[in-house]
Amino acid sequence: MARQILGADTVMHAAPPLEGDVHLPLYRRLYETFARRIAAGDWKPGDGLPAETGLAKIYRIAPGTVRRALDDLALNGLVERRHGLGTFVRRPNFDNAMLRFFRFRDKDGNAFLPESRIVSRKLVSTPPKVARQLGLTDPLVIKMVRHRLWDGVPRLVEDIFLPQDRFKPLLSVSEEMIGPLLYPAYEQLCGQVVFAIEEDISIADVTVDDAADLGLQTGDLTVSVERIARNATATPIEWRISRGEARRFRYQLTSGQGD
């Protein structure tokens, strides 16, 4: 059952401050305020937000302004409107995102999610590219190396970089607590929710290390998928690069009408 956030009956002596530049339109500042509350975990995935009229009273803003902010949140995938029920924080699902790029099939030809194995987790010096991608000034960053396996054989190698101030619990918990899917673990163990991902694909000669891990030969090609994951405020919170054998590469995209 969704957790309902207190609404119009909440006693407020003064309107909460709004995020964003004072020169921005009110609806945009309200949007940023709501997005920041989602990113901070005040409003969690599945939570029901107060009614528009309740929010309008809390923030001392016209209901139409609240509606426009919520509409933009819905447009950007942070909340969803449920007819007759209200507005709820959306729970994005990227569990099978990598299956768009690499073909993993069982003996009957059915797609399946490969096994996940975390090879290492440690603090390392922040590489310049990671610092740029994540906007970090911290000299240290968490690096996780993960293999995705099919029939016990590594088919994907992933280097995953995370800001240590957000994800420090991942260094000390067991791999069993993290589980096979990282984004649910980010939420449950660190309070960090991924709401959007951006991916860039390239093809290159296999490196010596990747050839050893993936059972490839010198001269084979790999497909690299670089990903930036962002929270509700569009702040980058994860950068990863996944490599797999080019012969297993595929691309699958399903678009809705009007896209």
C-alpha atoms as a PDB file:
ATOM      1  CA  MET A   1       0.000   0.000   0.000  1.00  0.00           C
ATOM      2  CA  ALA A   2       1.327   3.403  -0.939  1.00  0.00           C
ATOM      3  CA  ARG A   3       2.439   5.687   1.880  1.00  0.00           C
ATOM      4  CA  GLN A   4       0.317   8.861   1.808  1.00  0.00           C
ATOM      5  CA  ILE A   5       2.097  12.129   2.501  1.00  0.00           C
ATOM      6  CA  LEU A   6       0.365  14.526   4.887  1.00  0.00           C
ATOM      7  CA  GLY A   7      -1.592  17.163   3.015  1.00  0.00           C
ATOM      8  CA  ALA A   8      -3.828  20.113   3.655  1.00  0.00           C
ATOM      9  CA  ASP A   9      -4.501  19.304   7.303  1.00  0.00           C
ATOM     10  CA  THR A  10      -0.811  19.631   8.182  1.00  0.00           C
ATOM     11  CA  VAL A  11      -0.246  22.657  10.394  1.00  0.00           C
ATOM     12  CA  MET A  12       2.099  25.098   8.667  1.00  0.00           C
ATOM     13  CA  HIS A  13       3.060  28.377  10.309  1.00  0.00           C
ATOM     14  CA  ALA A  14       4.864  29.574   7.197  1.00  0.00           C
ATOM     15  CA  ALA A  15       5.137  28.391   3.614  1.00  0.00           C
ATOM     16  CA  PRO A  16       8.211  26.190   3.071  1.00  0.00           C
ATOM     17  CA  PRO A  17      10.978  27.873   1.049  1.00  0.00           C
ATOM     18  CA  LEU A  18      11.139  27.117  -2.653  1.00  0.00           C
ATOM     19  CA  GLU A  19      14.209  25.815  -4.452  1.00  0.00           C
ATOM     20  CA  GLY A  20      15.668  27.478  -7.528  1.00  0.00           C
ATOM     21  CA  ASP A  21      16.540  30.950  -8.681  1.00  0.00           C
ATOM     22  CA  VAL A  22      14.104  33.637  -7.534  1.00  0.00           C
ATOM     23  CA  HIS A  23      13.850  34.836 -11.146  1.00  0.00           C
ATOM     24  CA  LEU A  24      12.401  31.520 -12.307  1.00  0.00           C
ATOM     25  CA  PRO A  25       8.625  31.143 -12.739  1.00  0.00           C
ATOM     26  CA  LEU A  26       6.880  29.890  -9.607  1.00  0.00           C
ATOM     27  CA  TYR A  27       5.841  26.602 -11.219  1.00  0.00           C
ATOM     28  CA  ARG A  28       9.471  25.874 -12.099  1.00  0.00           C
ATOM     29  CA  ARG A  29      10.678  26.609  -8.582  1.00  0.00           C
ATOM     30  CA  LEU A  30       7.914  24.393  -7.244  1.00  0.00           C
ATOM     31  CA  TYR A  31       8.977  21.666  -9.684  1.00  0.00           C
ATOM     32  CA  GLU A  32      12.563  21.892  -8.404  1.00  0.00           C
ATOM     33  CA  THR A  33      11.324  21.847  -4.813  1.00  0.00           C
ATOM     34  CA  PHE A  34       9.279  18.689  -5.386  1.00  0.00           C
ATOM     35  CA  ALA A  35      12.105  17.023  -7.355  1.00  0.00           C
ATOM     36  CA  ARG A  36      14.555  17.751  -4.549  1.00  0.00           C
ATOM     37  CA  ARG A  37      12.165  16.247  -1.990  1.00  0.00           C
ATOM     38  CA  ILE A  38      11.950  13.092  -4.118  1.00  0.00           C
ATOM     39  CA  ALA A  39      15.741  12.936  -4.492  1.00  0.00           C
ATOM     40  CA  ALA A  40      16.184  13.434  -0.726  1.00  0.00           C
ATOM     41  CA  GLY A  41      13.805  10.566   0.035  1.00  0.00           C
ATOM     42  CA  ASP A  42      11.121  12.727   1.661  1.00  0.00           C
ATOM     43  CA  TRP A  43       8.792  11.344  -0.990  1.00  0.00           C
ATOM     44  CA  LYS A  44       9.730   7.793  -1.919  1.00  0.00           C
ATOM     45  CA  PRO A  45       8.731   5.702  -4.941  1.00  0.00           C
ATOM     46  CA  GLY A  46       5.160   4.557  -4.458  1.00  0.00           C
ATOM     47  CA  ASP A  47       4.264   7.375  -2.070  1.00  0.00           C
ATOM     48  CA  GLY A  48       1.094   9.305  -2.736  1.00  0.00           C
ATOM     49  CA  LEU A  49       1.556  13.078  -2.836  1.00  0.00           C
ATOM     50  CA  PRO A  50      -0.910  15.448  -1.170  1.00  0.00           C
ATOM     51  CA  ALA A  51      -3.787  16.642  -3.332  1.00  0.00           C
ATOM     52  CA  GLU A  52      -3.167  19.704  -5.472  1.00  0.00           C
ATOM     53  CA  THR A  53      -5.335  21.803  -3.168  1.00  0.00           C
ATOM     54  CA  GLY A  54      -3.372  20.581  -0.157  1.00  0.00           C
ATOM     55  CA  LEU A  55      -0.055  21.434  -1.748  1.00  0.00           C
ATOM     56  CA  ALA A  56      -1.389  24.818  -2.769  1.00  0.00           C
ATOM     57  CA  LYS A  57      -2.265  25.565   0.873  1.00  0.00           C
ATOM     58  CA  ILE A  58       1.059  24.283   2.192  1.00  0.00           C
ATOM     59  CA  TYR A  59       3.144  26.343  -0.244  1.00  0.00           C
ATOM     60  CA  ARG A  60       0.712  29.304  -0.409  1.00  0.00           C
ATOM     61  CA  ILE A  61       0.598  29.016  -4.210  1.00  0.00           C
ATOM     62  CA  ALA A  62      -2.343  28.925  -6.617  1.00  0.00           C
ATOM     63  CA  PRO A  63      -3.637  25.393  -7.438  1.00  0.00           C
ATOM     64  CA  GLY A  64      -3.018  26.019 -11.134  1.00  0.00           C
ATOM     65  CA  THR A  65       0.689  26.597 -10.435  1.00  0.00           C
ATOM     66  CA  VAL A  66       0.844  23.366  -8.433  1.00  0.00           C
ATOM     67  CA  ARG A  67      -0.887  21.510 -11.259  1.00  0.00           C
ATOM     68  CA  ARG A  68       1.625  22.752 -13.813  1.00  0.00           C
ATOM     69  CA  ALA A  69       4.566  21.685 -11.617  1.00  0.00           C
ATOM     70  CA  LEU A  70       3.039  18.229 -11.151  1.00  0.00           C
ATOM     71  CA  ASP A  71       2.334  17.950 -14.871  1.00  0.00           C
ATOM     72  CA  ASP A  72       6.015  18.625 -15.585  1.00  0.00           C
ATOM     73  CA  LEU A  73       7.052  16.068 -12.971  1.00  0.00           C
ATOM     74  CA  ALA A  74       4.839  13.518 -14.707  1.00  0.00           C
ATOM     75  CA  LEU A  75       6.192  14.504 -18.133  1.00  0.00           C
ATOM     76  CA  ASN A  76       9.745  13.882 -16.894  1.00  0.00           C
ATOM     77  CA  GLY A  77       8.852  10.527 -15.365  1.00  0.00           C
ATOM     78  CA  LEU A  78       9.185  11.466 -11.688  1.00  0.00           C
ATOM     79  CA  VAL A  79       5.521  10.974 -10.774  1.00  0.00           C
ATOM     80  CA  GLU A  80       2.499   9.302 -12.299  1.00  0.00           C
ATOM     81  CA  ARG A  81      -1.121  10.378 -12.253  1.00  0.00           C
ATOM     82  CA  ARG A  82      -3.649   7.675 -11.374  1.00  0.00           C
ATOM     83  CA  HIS A  83      -7.177   8.576 -12.341  1.00  0.00           C
ATOM     84  CA  GLY A  84      -9.359   8.877  -9.275  1.00  0.00           C
ATOM     85  CA  LEU A  85      -6.486   8.047  -6.931  1.00  0.00           C
ATOM     86  CA  GLY A  86      -4.054  10.964  -7.123  1.00  0.00           C
ATOM     87  CA  THR A  87      -0.375  11.552  -7.886  1.00  0.00           C
ATOM     88  CA  PHE A  88       2.311   9.059  -6.893  1.00  0.00           C
ATOM     89  CA  VAL A  89       6.089   9.016  -7.023  1.00  0.00           C
ATOM     90  CA  ARG A  90       7.003   6.775  -9.926  1.00  0.00           C
ATOM     91  CA  ARG A  91       9.250   3.756  -9.507  1.00  0.00           C
ATOM     92  CA  PRO A  92      11.389   3.510 -12.645  1.00  0.00           C
ATOM     93  CA  ASN A  93      12.485   0.063 -13.792  1.00  0.00           C
ATOM     94  CA  PHE A  94      15.786  -0.384 -15.596  1.00  0.00           C
ATOM     95  CA  ASP A  95      16.256  -4.009 -14.534  1.00  0.00           C
ATOM     96  CA  ASN A  96      16.499  -5.379 -18.066  1.00  0.00           C
ATOM     97  CA  ALA A  97      17.975  -2.324 -19.788  1.00  0.00           C
ATOM     98  CA  MET A  98      21.172  -4.107 -20.842  1.00  0.00           C
ATOM     99  CA  LEU A  99      19.128  -6.763 -22.649  1.00  0.00           C
ATOM    100  CA  ARG A 100      18.406  -4.109 -25.283  1.00  0.00           C
ATOM    101  CA  PHE A 101      22.052  -4.312 -26.315  1.00  0.00           C
ATOM    102  CA  PHE A 102      23.211  -7.887 -25.743  1.00  0.00           C
ATOM    103  CA  ARG A 103      21.474 -11.117 -26.623  1.00  0.00           C
ATOM    104  CA  PHE A 104      21.213 -13.642 -23.791  1.00  0.00           C
ATOM    105  CA  ARG A 105      19.073 -16.684 -24.602  1.00  0.00           C
ATOM    106  CA  ASP A 106      18.431 -20.025 -22.964  1.00  0.00           C
ATOM    107  CA  LYS A 107      18.418 -23.285 -24.898  1.00  0.00           C
ATOM    108  CA  ASP A 108      14.800 -22.631 -25.931  1.00  0.00           C
ATOM    109  CA  GLY A 109      15.611 -19.186 -27.299  1.00  0.00           C
ATOM    110  CA  ASN A 110      13.999 -17.229 -24.479  1.00  0.00           C
ATOM    111  CA  ALA A 111      15.621 -14.033 -23.184  1.00  0.00           C
ATOM    112  CA  PHE A 112      16.785 -14.127 -19.580  1.00  0.00           C
ATOM    113  CA  LEU A 113      18.658 -11.986 -17.084  1.00  0.00           C
ATOM    114  CA  PRO A 114      22.275 -13.151 -16.675  1.00  0.00           C
ATOM    115  CA  GLU A 115      23.712 -13.961 -13.266  1.00  0.00           C
ATOM    116  CA  SER A 116      25.416 -11.058 -11.487  1.00  0.00           C
ATOM    117  CA  ARG A 117      28.739 -11.341  -9.638  1.00  0.00           C
ATOM    118  CA  ILE A 118      30.500  -8.434  -7.935  1.00  0.00           C
ATOM    119  CA  VAL A 119      34.229  -9.008  -8.384  1.00  0.00           C
ATOM    120  CA  SER A 120      35.488  -6.074  -6.315  1.00  0.00           C
ATOM    121  CA  ARG A 121      34.348  -2.999  -4.370  1.00  0.00           C
ATOM    122  CA  LYS A 122      36.812  -0.386  -3.179  1.00  0.00           C
ATOM    123  CA  LEU A 123      37.727   3.280  -2.974  1.00  0.00           C
ATOM    124  CA  VAL A 124      40.016   4.405  -5.774  1.00  0.00           C
ATOM    125  CA  SER A 125      41.459   7.693  -6.967  1.00  0.00           C
ATOM    126  CA  THR A 126      38.810   9.465  -9.012  1.00  0.00           C
ATOM    127  CA  PRO A 127      39.663   9.135 -12.725  1.00  0.00           C
ATOM    128  CA  PRO A 128      39.420  12.457 -14.608  1.00  0.00           C
ATOM    129  CA  LYS A 129      36.636  11.179 -16.864  1.00  0.00           C
ATOM    130  CA  VAL A 130      34.598   9.974 -13.893  1.00  0.00           C
ATOM    131  CA  ALA A 131      35.094  13.321 -12.162  1.00  0.00           C
ATOM    132  CA  ARG A 132      33.731  15.080 -15.255  1.00  0.00           C
ATOM    133  CA  GLN A 133      30.798  12.735 -15.744  1.00  0.00           C
ATOM    134  CA  LEU A 134      29.709  12.820 -12.087  1.00  0.00           C
ATOM    135  CA  GLY A 135      30.724  16.415 -11.370  1.00  0.00           C
ATOM    136  CA  LEU A 136      32.989  15.270  -8.517  1.00  0.00           C
ATOM    137  CA  THR A 137      35.723  17.151  -6.694  1.00  0.00           C
ATOM    138  CA  ASP A 138      36.277  14.332  -4.184  1.00  0.00           C
ATOM    139  CA  PRO A 139      39.673  12.695  -4.798  1.00  0.00           C
ATOM    140  CA  LEU A 140      38.212   9.252  -4.043  1.00  0.00           C
ATOM    141  CA  VAL A 141      35.308   7.405  -5.629  1.00  0.00           C
ATOM    142  CA  ILE A 142      33.756   3.978  -5.151  1.00  0.00           C
ATOM    143  CA  LYS A 143      34.581   1.561  -7.949  1.00  0.00           C
ATOM    144  CA  MET A 144      32.718  -1.707  -8.337  1.00  0.00           C
ATOM    145  CA  VAL A 145      33.663  -4.315 -10.914  1.00  0.00           C
ATOM    146  CA  ARG A 146      30.814  -6.619 -11.834  1.00  0.00           C
ATOM    147  CA  HIS A 147      30.584  -9.589 -14.195  1.00  0.00           C
ATOM    148  CA  ARG A 148      27.348 -10.747 -15.791  1.00  0.00           C
ATOM    149  CA  LEU A 149      27.460 -14.483 -16.403  1.00  0.00           C
ATOM    150  CA  TRP A 150      25.667 -16.959 -18.607  1.00  0.00           C
ATOM    151  CA  ASP A 151      26.058 -20.651 -17.691  1.00  0.00           C
ATOM    152  CA  GLY A 152      28.795 -19.573 -15.273  1.00  0.00           C
ATOM    153  CA  VAL A 153      30.817 -17.815 -17.982  1.00  0.00           C
ATOM    154  CA  PRO A 154      31.352 -14.014 -17.894  1.00  0.00           C
ATOM    155  CA  ARG A 155      29.679 -12.338 -20.889  1.00  0.00           C
ATOM    156  CA  LEU A 156      29.698  -8.725 -19.691  1.00  0.00           C
ATOM    157  CA  VAL A 157      32.301  -6.822 -17.697  1.00  0.00           C
ATOM    158  CA  GLU A 158      31.188  -3.644 -15.921  1.00  0.00           C
ATOM    159  CA  ASP A 159      33.151  -0.909 -14.174  1.00  0.00           C
ATOM    160  CA  ILE A 160      30.765   1.103 -11.991  1.00  0.00           C
ATOM    161  CA  PHE A 161      31.728   4.381 -10.296  1.00  0.00           C
ATOM    162  CA  LEU A 162      29.722   5.946  -7.461  1.00  0.00           C
ATOM    163  CA  PRO A 163      30.198   9.025  -5.228  1.00  0.00           C
ATOM    164  CA  GLN A 164      31.309   7.771  -1.828  1.00  0.00           C
ATOM    165  CA  ASP A 165      29.223  10.269   0.129  1.00  0.00           C
ATOM    166  CA  ARG A 166      26.043   8.788  -1.369  1.00  0.00           C
ATOM    167  CA  PHE A 167      26.958   5.107  -1.580  1.00  0.00           C
ATOM    168  CA  LYS A 168      29.370   4.354   1.273  1.00  0.00           C
ATOM    169  CA  PRO A 169      27.164   1.518   2.695  1.00  0.00           C
ATOM    170  CA  LEU A 170      27.907  -0.548  -0.429  1.00  0.00           C
ATOM    171  CA  LEU A 171      31.511  -0.939   0.700  1.00  0.00           C
ATOM    172  CA  SER A 172      30.634  -2.853   3.855  1.00  0.00           C
ATOM    173  CA  VAL A 173      27.472  -4.896   3.205  1.00  0.00           C
ATOM    174  CA  SER A 174      27.569  -8.444   1.882  1.00  0.00           C
ATOM    175  CA  GLU A 175      27.056  -9.194  -1.796  1.00  0.00           C
ATOM    176  CA  GLU A 176      23.914 -11.083  -0.815  1.00  0.00           C
ATOM    177  CA  MET A 177      22.461  -7.870   0.648  1.00  0.00           C
ATOM    178  CA  ILE A 178      23.190  -6.038  -2.592  1.00  0.00           C
ATOM    179  CA  GLY A 179      21.556  -8.741  -4.674  1.00  0.00           C
ATOM    180  CA  PRO A 180      21.586  -9.293  -8.436  1.00  0.00           C
ATOM    181  CA  LEU A 181      20.150  -5.865  -9.349  1.00  0.00           C
ATOM    182  CA  LEU A 182      21.982  -2.707  -8.338  1.00  0.00           C
ATOM    183  CA  TYR A 183      19.318  -0.018  -8.564  1.00  0.00           C
ATOM    184  CA  PRO A 184      17.027  -1.592  -5.952  1.00  0.00           C
ATOM    185  CA  ALA A 185      20.101  -1.900  -3.704  1.00  0.00           C
ATOM    186  CA  TYR A 186      20.938   1.765  -4.249  1.00  0.00           C
ATOM    187  CA  GLU A 187      17.465   2.662  -3.016  1.00  0.00           C
ATOM    188  CA  GLN A 188      17.217   0.218  -0.125  1.00  0.00           C
ATOM    189  CA  LEU A 189      20.758   0.537   1.229  1.00  0.00           C
ATOM    190  CA  CYS A 190      21.683   4.114   0.309  1.00  0.00           C
ATOM    191  CA  GLY A 191      18.411   5.960  -0.235  1.00  0.00           C
ATOM    192  CA  GLN A 192      19.423   6.799  -3.823  1.00  0.00           C
ATOM    193  CA  VAL A 193      16.840   6.342  -6.588  1.00  0.00           C
ATOM    194  CA  VAL A 194      17.723   6.354 -10.277  1.00  0.00           C
ATOM    195  CA  PHE A 195      15.073   8.126 -12.349  1.00  0.00           C
ATOM    196  CA  ALA A 196      16.816   8.460 -15.711  1.00  0.00           C
ATOM    197  CA  ILE A 197      19.724   6.966 -17.629  1.00  0.00           C
ATOM    198  CA  GLU A 198      21.716   8.155 -20.632  1.00  0.00           C
ATOM    199  CA  GLU A 199      23.731   5.667 -22.677  1.00  0.00           C
ATOM    200  CA  ASP A 200      26.396   5.977 -25.336  1.00  0.00           C
ATOM    201  CA  ILE A 201      27.462   2.995 -27.455  1.00  0.00           C
ATOM    202  CA  SER A 202      30.805   2.400 -29.178  1.00  0.00           C
ATOM    203  CA  ILE A 203      32.748  -0.508 -30.710  1.00  0.00           C
ATOM    204  CA  ALA A 204      36.455  -1.094 -30.102  1.00  0.00           C
ATOM    205  CA  ASP A 205      39.141  -3.771 -30.137  1.00  0.00           C
ATOM    206  CA  VAL A 206      39.051  -5.899 -27.009  1.00  0.00           C
ATOM    207  CA  THR A 207      41.574  -4.967 -24.339  1.00  0.00           C
ATOM    208  CA  VAL A 208      43.946  -7.548 -22.887  1.00  0.00           C
ATOM    209  CA  ASP A 209      42.115  -7.588 -19.545  1.00  0.00           C
ATOM    210  CA  ASP A 210      38.652  -7.855 -21.110  1.00  0.00           C
ATOM    211  CA  ALA A 211      39.826 -10.601 -23.454  1.00  0.00           C
ATOM    212  CA  ALA A 212      40.927 -12.648 -20.446  1.00  0.00           C
ATOM    213  CA  ASP A 213      37.657 -12.046 -18.583  1.00  0.00           C
ATOM    214  CA  LEU A 214      35.369 -12.630 -21.566  1.00  0.00           C
ATOM    215  CA  GLY A 215      37.282 -15.504 -23.179  1.00  0.00           C
ATOM    216  CA  LEU A 216      37.988 -13.524 -26.361  1.00  0.00           C
ATOM    217  CA  GLN A 217      40.968 -13.400 -28.677  1.00  0.00           C
ATOM    218  CA  THR A 218      43.243 -10.556 -29.698  1.00  0.00           C
ATOM    219  CA  GLY A 219      41.547  -8.768 -32.581  1.00  0.00           C
ATOM    220  CA  ASP A 220      38.000  -9.511 -31.393  1.00  0.00           C
ATOM    221  CA  LEU A 221      35.651  -6.560 -31.010  1.00  0.00           C
ATOM    222  CA  THR A 222      33.662  -5.491 -27.988  1.00  0.00           C
ATOM    223  CA  VAL A 223      30.693  -3.191 -27.648  1.00  0.00           C
ATOM    224  CA  SER A 224      30.980  -0.638 -24.847  1.00  0.00           C
ATOM    225  CA  VAL A 225      27.911   0.943 -23.298  1.00  0.00           C
ATOM    226  CA  GLU A 226      28.685   4.014 -21.191  1.00  0.00           C
ATOM    227  CA  ARG A 227      25.865   4.996 -18.838  1.00  0.00           C
ATOM    228  CA  ILE A 228      25.147   8.009 -16.677  1.00  0.00           C
ATOM    229  CA  ALA A 229      22.367   7.473 -14.128  1.00  0.00           C
ATOM    230  CA  ARG A 230      20.580  10.494 -12.644  1.00  0.00           C
ATOM    231  CA  ASN A 231      18.354  11.089  -9.648  1.00  0.00           C
ATOM    232  CA  ALA A 232      15.146  13.132  -9.493  1.00  0.00           C
ATOM    233  CA  THR A 233      17.019  16.456  -9.688  1.00  0.00           C
ATOM    234  CA  ALA A 234      18.951  15.217 -12.766  1.00  0.00           C
ATOM    235  CA  THR A 235      22.137  15.003 -10.657  1.00  0.00           C
ATOM    236  CA  PRO A 236      24.454  12.248 -11.983  1.00  0.00           C
ATOM    237  CA  ILE A 237      24.921   9.606  -9.283  1.00  0.00           C
ATOM    238  CA  GLU A 238      26.433   6.699 -11.228  1.00  0.00           C
ATOM    239  CA  TRP A 239      28.761   6.310 -14.201  1.00  0.00           C
ATOM    240  CA  ARG A 240      29.428   2.880 -15.594  1.00  0.00           C
ATOM    241  CA  ILE A 241      30.921   1.265 -18.642  1.00  0.00           C
ATOM    242  CA  SER A 242      29.772  -2.209 -19.695  1.00  0.00           C
ATOM    243  CA  ARG A 243      31.669  -4.276 -22.277  1.00  0.00           C
ATOM    244  CA  GLY A 244      30.558  -7.382 -24.099  1.00  0.00           C
ATOM    245  CA  GLU A 245      31.403  -9.398 -27.180  1.00  0.00           C
ATOM    246  CA  ALA A 246      30.360  -7.542 -30.332  1.00  0.00           C
ATOM    247  CA  ARG A 247      28.878 -10.686 -31.868  1.00  0.00           C
ATOM    248  CA  ARG A 248      26.305 -10.693 -29.091  1.00  0.00           C
ATOM    249  CA  PHE A 249      25.341  -7.069 -29.697  1.00  0.00           C
ATOM    250  CA  ARG A 250      21.767  -6.228 -30.576  1.00  0.00           C
ATOM    251  CA  TYR A 251      19.643  -3.100 -30.389  1.00  0.00           C
ATOM    252  CA  GLN A 252      15.965  -3.134 -29.529  1.00  0.00           C
ATOM    253  CA  LEU A 253      13.768  -0.081 -29.099  1.00  0.00           C
ATOM    254  CA  THR A 254      10.040   0.121 -28.552  1.00  0.00           C
ATOM    255  CA  SER A 255       8.494   3.567 -29.035  1.00  0.00           C
ATOM    256  CA  GLY A 256       5.032   4.697 -28.141  1.00  0.00           C
ATOM    257  CA  GLN A 257       2.765   6.450 -30.583  1.00  0.00           C
ATOM    258  CA  GLY A 258       3.576  10.101 -31.037  1.00  0.00           C
ATOM    259  CA  ASP A 259       7.249   9.745 -30.033  1.00  0.00           C
END
